[in-house]
Amino acid sequence: MAQAAPASGTPRTPGKTDRTTGTPGVLSPRAHAAVKLALPVVLGLVYGFWAAAIRRDTHAITGWNVLFGFVCAIAFGAVWAGLSIMAPRMRREVHALLWFAFTGIAFGFLYSQTGATVLRSVLMSLGIAASVFAVLFYRYYTHEDAEGRPIRS
């Protein structure tokens, strides 16, 4: 049995819809606020644990190693939170460039903890950061107009 397609501008499923895209809202505004607070903390802790584990390199866990992990976690989380607040207000080129720099620095620092040379760390982080830049620039370019406002469907 055939079913009629929804008219333009009407939601596809019952319930609340996102005003910019017309798609159903999955999370409540309260859940979005919680994610905005929790994401930098969780990612910072993962990054700090990862940095401390790389630096430890099968040796015993020491107080300095734990301190190093927490300092890395705080720095990563603070920069992530600052970028997630500041970057969306920038033009799409600068927005993608900020995430390019953050990704390159974060990955390069982790890679340098393995004992690799500075040149190898820089080259590896440039490769990773360039791919992040390409993906994010494409996403921002296809989802925003020239002034940086979201394109409505």
N, C-alpha and C. Protein backbone atom coordinates (compact mmCIF):
# COMPACT_ATOMS: atom_id res chain seq x y z
N MET A 1 0.84 -1.15 0.00
CA MET A 1 0.00 0.00 0.00
C MET A 1 0.90 1.24 0.00
N ALA A 2 0.58 2.19 -0.80
CA ALA A 2 1.37 3.41 -0.93
C ALA A 2 0.97 4.42 0.15
N GLN A 3 1.92 5.24 0.51
CA GLN A 3 1.66 6.28 1.50
C GLN A 3 2.14 7.60 0.92
N ALA A 4 1.42 8.65 1.15
CA ALA A 4 1.77 9.96 0.61
C ALA A 4 3.01 10.51 1.30
N ALA A 5 3.85 11.18 0.54
CA ALA A 5 5.03 11.82 1.09
C ALA A 5 4.61 13.08 1.84
N PRO A 6 5.32 13.44 2.91
CA PRO A 6 4.95 14.64 3.64
C PRO A 6 5.15 15.88 2.78
N ALA A 7 4.32 16.87 3.02
CA ALA A 7 4.44 18.13 2.28
C ALA A 7 5.69 18.86 2.72
N SER A 8 6.15 19.76 1.88
CA SER A 8 7.36 20.52 2.18
C SER A 8 7.19 21.31 3.47
N GLY A 9 8.20 21.23 4.35
CA GLY A 9 8.17 21.98 5.60
C GLY A 9 7.50 21.26 6.75
N THR A 10 6.92 20.08 6.50
CA THR A 10 6.30 19.34 7.59
C THR A 10 7.27 18.26 8.06
N PRO A 11 7.22 17.92 9.34
CA PRO A 11 8.14 16.91 9.85
C PRO A 11 7.82 15.53 9.28
N ARG A 12 8.87 14.72 9.16
CA ARG A 12 8.70 13.36 8.66
C ARG A 12 8.14 12.44 9.73
N THR A 13 8.42 12.72 10.97
CA THR A 13 7.91 11.91 12.06
C THR A 13 7.27 12.84 13.08
N PRO A 14 6.31 12.34 13.83
CA PRO A 14 5.68 13.19 14.83
C PRO A 14 6.67 13.58 15.92
N GLY A 15 6.42 14.67 16.56
CA GLY A 15 7.27 15.14 17.65
C GLY A 15 7.94 16.45 17.30
N LYS A 16 8.88 16.85 18.14
CA LYS A 16 9.58 18.10 17.91
C LYS A 16 10.53 17.97 16.73
N THR A 17 10.72 19.08 16.04
CA THR A 17 11.66 19.08 14.92
C THR A 17 12.67 20.18 15.09
N ASP A 18 13.81 20.00 14.46
CA ASP A 18 14.85 21.02 14.43
C ASP A 18 14.44 22.08 13.43
N ARG A 19 14.43 23.33 13.84
CA ARG A 19 13.95 24.41 12.97
C ARG A 19 14.85 24.64 11.76
N THR A 20 16.11 24.33 11.86
CA THR A 20 17.02 24.62 10.75
C THR A 20 16.98 23.55 9.67
N THR A 21 16.79 22.28 10.05
CA THR A 21 16.84 21.22 9.05
C THR A 21 15.52 20.52 8.85
N GLY A 22 14.57 20.66 9.76
CA GLY A 22 13.29 19.98 9.63
C GLY A 22 13.35 18.53 10.08
N THR A 23 14.48 18.09 10.62
CA THR A 23 14.58 16.72 11.09
C THR A 23 14.14 16.64 12.54
N PRO A 24 13.69 15.48 12.98
CA PRO A 24 13.24 15.35 14.36
C PRO A 24 14.38 15.56 15.35
N GLY A 25 14.11 16.25 16.44
CA GLY A 25 15.10 16.44 17.48
C GLY A 25 15.22 15.16 18.30
N VAL A 26 16.44 14.67 18.49
CA VAL A 26 16.64 13.42 19.22
C VAL A 26 16.88 13.70 20.70
N LEU A 27 17.70 14.70 20.99
CA LEU A 27 18.02 15.03 22.37
C LEU A 27 17.33 16.32 22.79
N SER A 28 17.01 16.40 24.05
CA SER A 28 16.39 17.61 24.57
C SER A 28 17.46 18.70 24.74
N PRO A 29 17.06 19.95 24.88
CA PRO A 29 18.05 21.01 25.12
C PRO A 29 18.87 20.77 26.38
N ARG A 30 18.26 20.17 27.38
CA ARG A 30 18.99 19.86 28.62
C ARG A 30 20.08 18.82 28.36
N ALA A 31 19.78 17.83 27.53
CA ALA A 31 20.78 16.81 27.20
C ALA A 31 21.91 17.42 26.37
N HIS A 32 21.59 18.33 25.46
CA HIS A 32 22.63 19.01 24.69
C HIS A 32 23.55 19.81 25.60
N ALA A 33 22.99 20.48 26.59
CA ALA A 33 23.80 21.25 27.53
C ALA A 33 24.72 20.33 28.34
N ALA A 34 24.20 19.17 28.74
CA ALA A 34 25.01 18.22 29.49
C ALA A 34 26.15 17.68 28.63
N VAL A 35 25.88 17.42 27.38
CA VAL A 35 26.92 16.92 26.47
C VAL A 35 27.98 17.99 26.25
N LYS A 36 27.58 19.24 26.13
CA LYS A 36 28.55 20.32 25.94
C LYS A 36 29.50 20.43 27.12
N LEU A 37 29.01 20.13 28.32
CA LEU A 37 29.87 20.16 29.50
C LEU A 37 30.69 18.88 29.66
N ALA A 38 30.08 17.75 29.37
CA ALA A 38 30.74 16.47 29.62
C ALA A 38 31.76 16.10 28.54
N LEU A 39 31.54 16.50 27.31
CA LEU A 39 32.43 16.08 26.22
C LEU A 39 33.87 16.53 26.41
N PRO A 40 34.15 17.80 26.74
CA PRO A 40 35.55 18.17 26.96
C PRO A 40 36.18 17.44 28.14
N VAL A 41 35.39 17.19 29.17
CA VAL A 41 35.92 16.49 30.34
C VAL A 41 36.28 15.05 29.99
N VAL A 42 35.38 14.36 29.34
CA VAL A 42 35.62 12.96 28.99
C VAL A 42 36.77 12.83 28.00
N LEU A 43 36.75 13.66 26.95
CA LEU A 43 37.83 13.59 25.97
C LEU A 43 39.16 13.99 26.58
N GLY A 44 39.15 14.97 27.48
CA GLY A 44 40.38 15.36 28.17
C GLY A 44 40.94 14.23 29.01
N LEU A 45 40.06 13.53 29.73
CA LEU A 45 40.53 12.40 30.54
C LEU A 45 41.09 11.27 29.68
N VAL A 46 40.43 10.99 28.57
CA VAL A 46 40.95 9.96 27.66
C VAL A 46 42.30 10.37 27.11
N TYR A 47 42.42 11.62 26.68
CA TYR A 47 43.69 12.12 26.13
C TYR A 47 44.79 12.08 27.20
N GLY A 48 44.48 12.52 28.41
CA GLY A 48 45.46 12.51 29.48
C GLY A 48 45.91 11.11 29.85
N PHE A 49 44.96 10.18 29.92
CA PHE A 49 45.31 8.79 30.20
C PHE A 49 46.19 8.23 29.10
N TRP A 50 45.84 8.54 27.86
CA TRP A 50 46.60 8.05 26.71
C TRP A 50 48.03 8.61 26.73
N ALA A 51 48.18 9.90 27.00
CA ALA A 51 49.50 10.52 27.06
C ALA A 51 50.33 9.93 28.20
N ALA A 52 49.71 9.72 29.35
CA ALA A 52 50.44 9.15 30.47
C ALA A 52 50.83 7.70 30.19
N ALA A 53 49.97 6.95 29.53
CA ALA A 53 50.28 5.56 29.21
C ALA A 53 51.42 5.47 28.20
N ILE A 54 51.43 6.36 27.22
CA ILE A 54 52.53 6.36 26.25
C ILE A 54 53.84 6.71 26.94
N ARG A 55 53.81 7.71 27.79
CA ARG A 55 55.03 8.14 28.47
C ARG A 55 55.52 7.08 29.46
N ARG A 56 54.61 6.37 30.10
CA ARG A 56 54.98 5.34 31.08
C ARG A 56 55.74 4.21 30.42
N ASP A 57 55.27 3.76 29.25
CA ASP A 57 55.95 2.76 28.43
C ASP A 57 56.36 1.52 29.23
N THR A 58 55.42 0.82 29.78
CA THR A 58 55.57 -0.43 30.52
C THR A 58 56.33 -0.31 31.84
N HIS A 59 56.64 0.89 32.29
CA HIS A 59 57.27 1.05 33.59
C HIS A 59 56.19 1.20 34.66
N ALA A 60 56.60 1.28 35.88
CA ALA A 60 55.66 1.42 36.99
C ALA A 60 54.99 2.80 36.94
N ILE A 61 53.76 2.84 37.42
CA ILE A 61 53.03 4.10 37.50
C ILE A 61 53.58 4.90 38.67
N THR A 62 53.95 6.14 38.40
CA THR A 62 54.49 7.00 39.45
C THR A 62 53.58 8.21 39.64
N GLY A 63 53.82 8.96 40.66
CA GLY A 63 53.06 10.18 40.91
C GLY A 63 53.27 11.21 39.81
N TRP A 64 54.48 11.29 39.29
CA TRP A 64 54.76 12.23 38.20
C TRP A 64 54.00 11.84 36.94
N ASN A 65 53.87 10.55 36.73
CA ASN A 65 53.14 10.07 35.56
C ASN A 65 51.65 10.42 35.67
N VAL A 66 51.10 10.25 36.86
CA VAL A 66 49.70 10.60 37.08
C VAL A 66 49.50 12.11 36.95
N LEU A 67 50.42 12.89 37.50
CA LEU A 67 50.35 14.34 37.37
C LEU A 67 50.44 14.76 35.91
N PHE A 68 51.33 14.15 35.15
CA PHE A 68 51.46 14.44 33.73
C PHE A 68 50.14 14.16 33.00
N GLY A 69 49.50 13.05 33.32
CA GLY A 69 48.22 12.71 32.70
C GLY A 69 47.14 13.73 33.02
N PHE A 70 47.06 14.17 34.27
CA PHE A 70 46.04 15.14 34.64
C PHE A 70 46.31 16.52 34.03
N VAL A 71 47.57 16.92 33.95
CA VAL A 71 47.89 18.21 33.31
C VAL A 71 47.52 18.16 31.83
N CYS A 72 47.84 17.05 31.16
CA CYS A 72 47.46 16.89 29.75
C CYS A 72 45.93 16.91 29.59
N ALA A 73 45.24 16.25 30.51
CA ALA A 73 43.77 16.21 30.44
C ALA A 73 43.17 17.60 30.61
N ILE A 74 43.68 18.36 31.56
CA ILE A 74 43.15 19.70 31.80
C ILE A 74 43.43 20.61 30.61
N ALA A 75 44.65 20.54 30.09
CA ALA A 75 45.00 21.39 28.94
C ALA A 75 44.16 21.03 27.71
N PHE A 76 44.04 19.74 27.41
CA PHE A 76 43.26 19.30 26.26
C PHE A 76 41.80 19.70 26.41
N GLY A 77 41.22 19.44 27.58
CA GLY A 77 39.81 19.77 27.81
C GLY A 77 39.54 21.26 27.74
N ALA A 78 40.45 22.07 28.28
CA ALA A 78 40.26 23.51 28.25
C ALA A 78 40.32 24.05 26.82
N VAL A 79 41.29 23.58 26.06
CA VAL A 79 41.40 24.04 24.67
C VAL A 79 40.22 23.55 23.85
N TRP A 80 39.79 22.30 24.06
CA TRP A 80 38.63 21.77 23.34
C TRP A 80 37.39 22.61 23.65
N ALA A 81 37.17 22.90 24.93
CA ALA A 81 36.00 23.69 25.31
C ALA A 81 36.07 25.10 24.72
N GLY A 82 37.23 25.71 24.75
CA GLY A 82 37.38 27.04 24.17
C GLY A 82 37.14 27.03 22.67
N LEU A 83 37.66 26.04 21.98
CA LEU A 83 37.44 25.95 20.53
C LEU A 83 35.99 25.67 20.19
N SER A 84 35.34 24.83 20.97
CA SER A 84 33.94 24.52 20.66
C SER A 84 33.03 25.72 20.90
N ILE A 85 33.46 26.65 21.73
CA ILE A 85 32.70 27.88 21.94
C ILE A 85 33.06 28.93 20.89
N MET A 86 34.35 29.08 20.61
CA MET A 86 34.82 30.15 19.75
C MET A 86 34.73 29.83 18.26
N ALA A 87 35.07 28.62 17.87
CA ALA A 87 35.19 28.30 16.44
C ALA A 87 33.89 28.45 15.65
N PRO A 88 32.73 28.06 16.15
CA PRO A 88 31.51 28.22 15.34
C PRO A 88 31.18 29.68 15.00
N ARG A 89 31.74 30.62 15.71
CA ARG A 89 31.49 32.03 15.43
C ARG A 89 32.39 32.56 14.31
N MET A 90 33.36 31.77 13.89
CA MET A 90 34.31 32.18 12.85
C MET A 90 33.77 31.79 11.47
N ARG A 91 34.39 32.36 10.45
CA ARG A 91 34.05 31.95 9.09
C ARG A 91 34.49 30.51 8.89
N ARG A 92 33.91 29.83 7.92
CA ARG A 92 34.15 28.40 7.75
C ARG A 92 35.62 28.08 7.51
N GLU A 93 36.36 28.95 6.82
CA GLU A 93 37.78 28.69 6.58
C GLU A 93 38.57 28.74 7.88
N VAL A 94 38.31 29.76 8.68
CA VAL A 94 39.00 29.90 9.97
C VAL A 94 38.55 28.81 10.93
N HIS A 95 37.27 28.47 10.89
CA HIS A 95 36.73 27.41 11.74
C HIS A 95 37.48 26.10 11.47
N ALA A 96 37.60 25.72 10.21
CA ALA A 96 38.32 24.50 9.86
C ALA A 96 39.80 24.62 10.19
N LEU A 97 40.37 25.80 10.01
CA LEU A 97 41.79 26.01 10.30
C LEU A 97 42.08 25.88 11.79
N LEU A 98 41.18 26.36 12.64
CA LEU A 98 41.38 26.21 14.08
C LEU A 98 41.39 24.75 14.50
N TRP A 99 40.45 23.97 13.97
CA TRP A 99 40.43 22.54 14.29
C TRP A 99 41.63 21.82 13.69
N PHE A 100 42.11 22.28 12.52
CA PHE A 100 43.33 21.75 11.91
C PHE A 100 44.50 21.93 12.86
N ALA A 101 44.66 23.14 13.39
CA ALA A 101 45.78 23.43 14.29
C ALA A 101 45.66 22.62 15.59
N PHE A 102 44.46 22.57 16.14
CA PHE A 102 44.26 21.82 17.38
C PHE A 102 44.57 20.34 17.19
N THR A 103 44.06 19.77 16.11
CA THR A 103 44.30 18.34 15.85
C THR A 103 45.77 18.07 15.63
N GLY A 104 46.44 18.93 14.85
CA GLY A 104 47.86 18.74 14.59
C GLY A 104 48.69 18.81 15.85
N ILE A 105 48.40 19.79 16.69
CA ILE A 105 49.16 19.94 17.93
C ILE A 105 48.89 18.78 18.88
N ALA A 106 47.62 18.40 19.04
CA ALA A 106 47.28 17.31 19.96
C ALA A 106 47.90 15.99 19.51
N PHE A 107 47.78 15.69 18.21
CA PHE A 107 48.34 14.44 17.71
C PHE A 107 49.87 14.47 17.74
N GLY A 108 50.45 15.60 17.35
CA GLY A 108 51.91 15.72 17.36
C GLY A 108 52.49 15.55 18.74
N PHE A 109 51.82 16.11 19.75
CA PHE A 109 52.30 15.95 21.12
C PHE A 109 52.25 14.49 21.55
N LEU A 110 51.13 13.81 21.27
CA LEU A 110 51.05 12.39 21.62
C LEU A 110 52.10 11.58 20.89
N TYR A 111 52.28 11.87 19.60
CA TYR A 111 53.25 11.11 18.81
C TYR A 111 54.68 11.36 19.30
N SER A 112 54.96 12.58 19.76
CA SER A 112 56.30 12.88 20.25
C SER A 112 56.60 12.14 21.55
N GLN A 113 55.57 11.75 22.29
CA GLN A 113 55.78 11.01 23.54
C GLN A 113 56.28 9.59 23.29
N THR A 114 56.17 9.11 22.06
CA THR A 114 56.63 7.76 21.74
C THR A 114 58.14 7.69 21.57
N GLY A 115 58.81 8.84 21.54
CA GLY A 115 60.25 8.86 21.36
C GLY A 115 60.65 9.08 19.90
N ALA A 116 59.69 9.39 19.06
CA ALA A 116 59.98 9.65 17.66
C ALA A 116 60.71 10.99 17.52
N THR A 117 61.38 11.17 16.40
CA THR A 117 62.08 12.43 16.17
C THR A 117 61.07 13.56 15.97
N VAL A 118 61.56 14.78 16.11
CA VAL A 118 60.70 15.95 15.95
C VAL A 118 60.19 16.02 14.51
N LEU A 119 61.06 15.75 13.55
CA LEU A 119 60.64 15.80 12.15
C LEU A 119 59.54 14.79 11.86
N ARG A 120 59.69 13.59 12.35
CA ARG A 120 58.66 12.56 12.13
C ARG A 120 57.35 12.96 12.81
N SER A 121 57.44 13.51 14.02
CA SER A 121 56.22 13.95 14.72
C SER A 121 55.51 15.04 13.94
N VAL A 122 56.26 15.99 13.41
CA VAL A 122 55.66 17.09 12.65
C VAL A 122 55.02 16.57 11.38
N LEU A 123 55.72 15.70 10.65
CA LEU A 123 55.17 15.17 9.40
C LEU A 123 53.92 14.34 9.63
N MET A 124 53.93 13.51 10.65
CA MET A 124 52.74 12.69 10.95
C MET A 124 51.56 13.57 11.37
N SER A 125 51.82 14.57 12.21
CA SER A 125 50.72 15.42 12.66
C SER A 125 50.19 16.30 11.52
N LEU A 126 51.06 16.73 10.61
CA LEU A 126 50.58 17.50 9.45
C LEU A 126 49.68 16.65 8.56
N GLY A 127 50.03 15.39 8.40
CA GLY A 127 49.19 14.50 7.59
C GLY A 127 47.81 14.30 8.20
N ILE A 128 47.78 14.04 9.50
CA ILE A 128 46.50 13.84 10.19
C ILE A 128 45.69 15.14 10.18
N ALA A 129 46.35 16.26 10.50
CA ALA A 129 45.65 17.54 10.57
C ALA A 129 45.14 17.98 9.20
N ALA A 130 45.89 17.70 8.13
CA ALA A 130 45.45 18.08 6.78
C ALA A 130 44.18 17.32 6.40
N SER A 131 44.12 16.06 6.77
CA SER A 131 42.90 15.29 6.46
C SER A 131 41.72 15.81 7.28
N VAL A 132 41.94 16.19 8.52
CA VAL A 132 40.87 16.77 9.34
C VAL A 132 40.41 18.09 8.73
N PHE A 133 41.36 18.92 8.29
CA PHE A 133 41.00 20.18 7.66
C PHE A 133 40.14 19.95 6.42
N ALA A 134 40.55 19.01 5.57
CA ALA A 134 39.80 18.75 4.33
C ALA A 134 38.38 18.30 4.64
N VAL A 135 38.22 17.40 5.57
CA VAL A 135 36.89 16.89 5.91
C VAL A 135 36.03 18.00 6.52
N LEU A 136 36.57 18.75 7.47
CA LEU A 136 35.78 19.80 8.12
C LEU A 136 35.47 20.96 7.18
N PHE A 137 36.42 21.35 6.34
CA PHE A 137 36.14 22.43 5.41
C PHE A 137 35.03 22.01 4.45
N TYR A 138 35.09 20.77 3.97
CA TYR A 138 34.03 20.29 3.09
C TYR A 138 32.69 20.30 3.81
N ARG A 139 32.67 19.86 5.05
CA ARG A 139 31.42 19.83 5.81
C ARG A 139 30.87 21.24 6.01
N TYR A 140 31.73 22.17 6.44
CA TYR A 140 31.28 23.54 6.67
C TYR A 140 30.89 24.20 5.35
N TYR A 141 31.60 23.94 4.28
CA TYR A 141 31.31 24.53 2.98
C TYR A 141 29.96 24.07 2.44
N THR A 142 29.61 22.81 2.69
CA THR A 142 28.35 22.29 2.17
C THR A 142 27.17 22.50 3.09
N HIS A 143 27.40 22.92 4.35
CA HIS A 143 26.32 23.09 5.29
C HIS A 143 26.11 24.55 5.73
N GLU A 144 26.89 25.48 5.17
CA GLU A 144 26.76 26.89 5.53
C GLU A 144 26.73 27.74 4.27
N ASP A 145 26.12 28.93 4.39
CA ASP A 145 26.20 29.87 3.28
C ASP A 145 27.48 30.70 3.45
N ALA A 146 27.69 31.69 2.60
CA ALA A 146 28.93 32.45 2.62
C ALA A 146 29.13 33.24 3.91
N GLU A 147 28.05 33.59 4.60
CA GLU A 147 28.16 34.33 5.84
C GLU A 147 28.29 33.42 7.06
N GLY A 148 28.26 32.12 6.87
CA GLY A 148 28.42 31.18 7.97
C GLY A 148 27.13 30.75 8.62
N ARG A 149 26.00 31.12 8.04
CA ARG A 149 24.71 30.70 8.60
C ARG A 149 24.36 29.32 8.06
N PRO A 150 23.75 28.46 8.87
CA PRO A 150 23.36 27.13 8.38
C PRO A 150 22.39 27.23 7.21
N ILE A 151 22.56 26.37 6.24
CA ILE A 151 21.65 26.31 5.10
C ILE A 151 20.41 25.56 5.53
N ARG A 152 19.25 26.12 5.23
CA ARG A 152 17.99 25.46 5.59
C ARG A 152 17.56 24.55 4.46
N SER A 153 17.08 23.37 4.83
CA SER A 153 16.61 22.40 3.82
C SER A 153 15.22 22.72 3.37
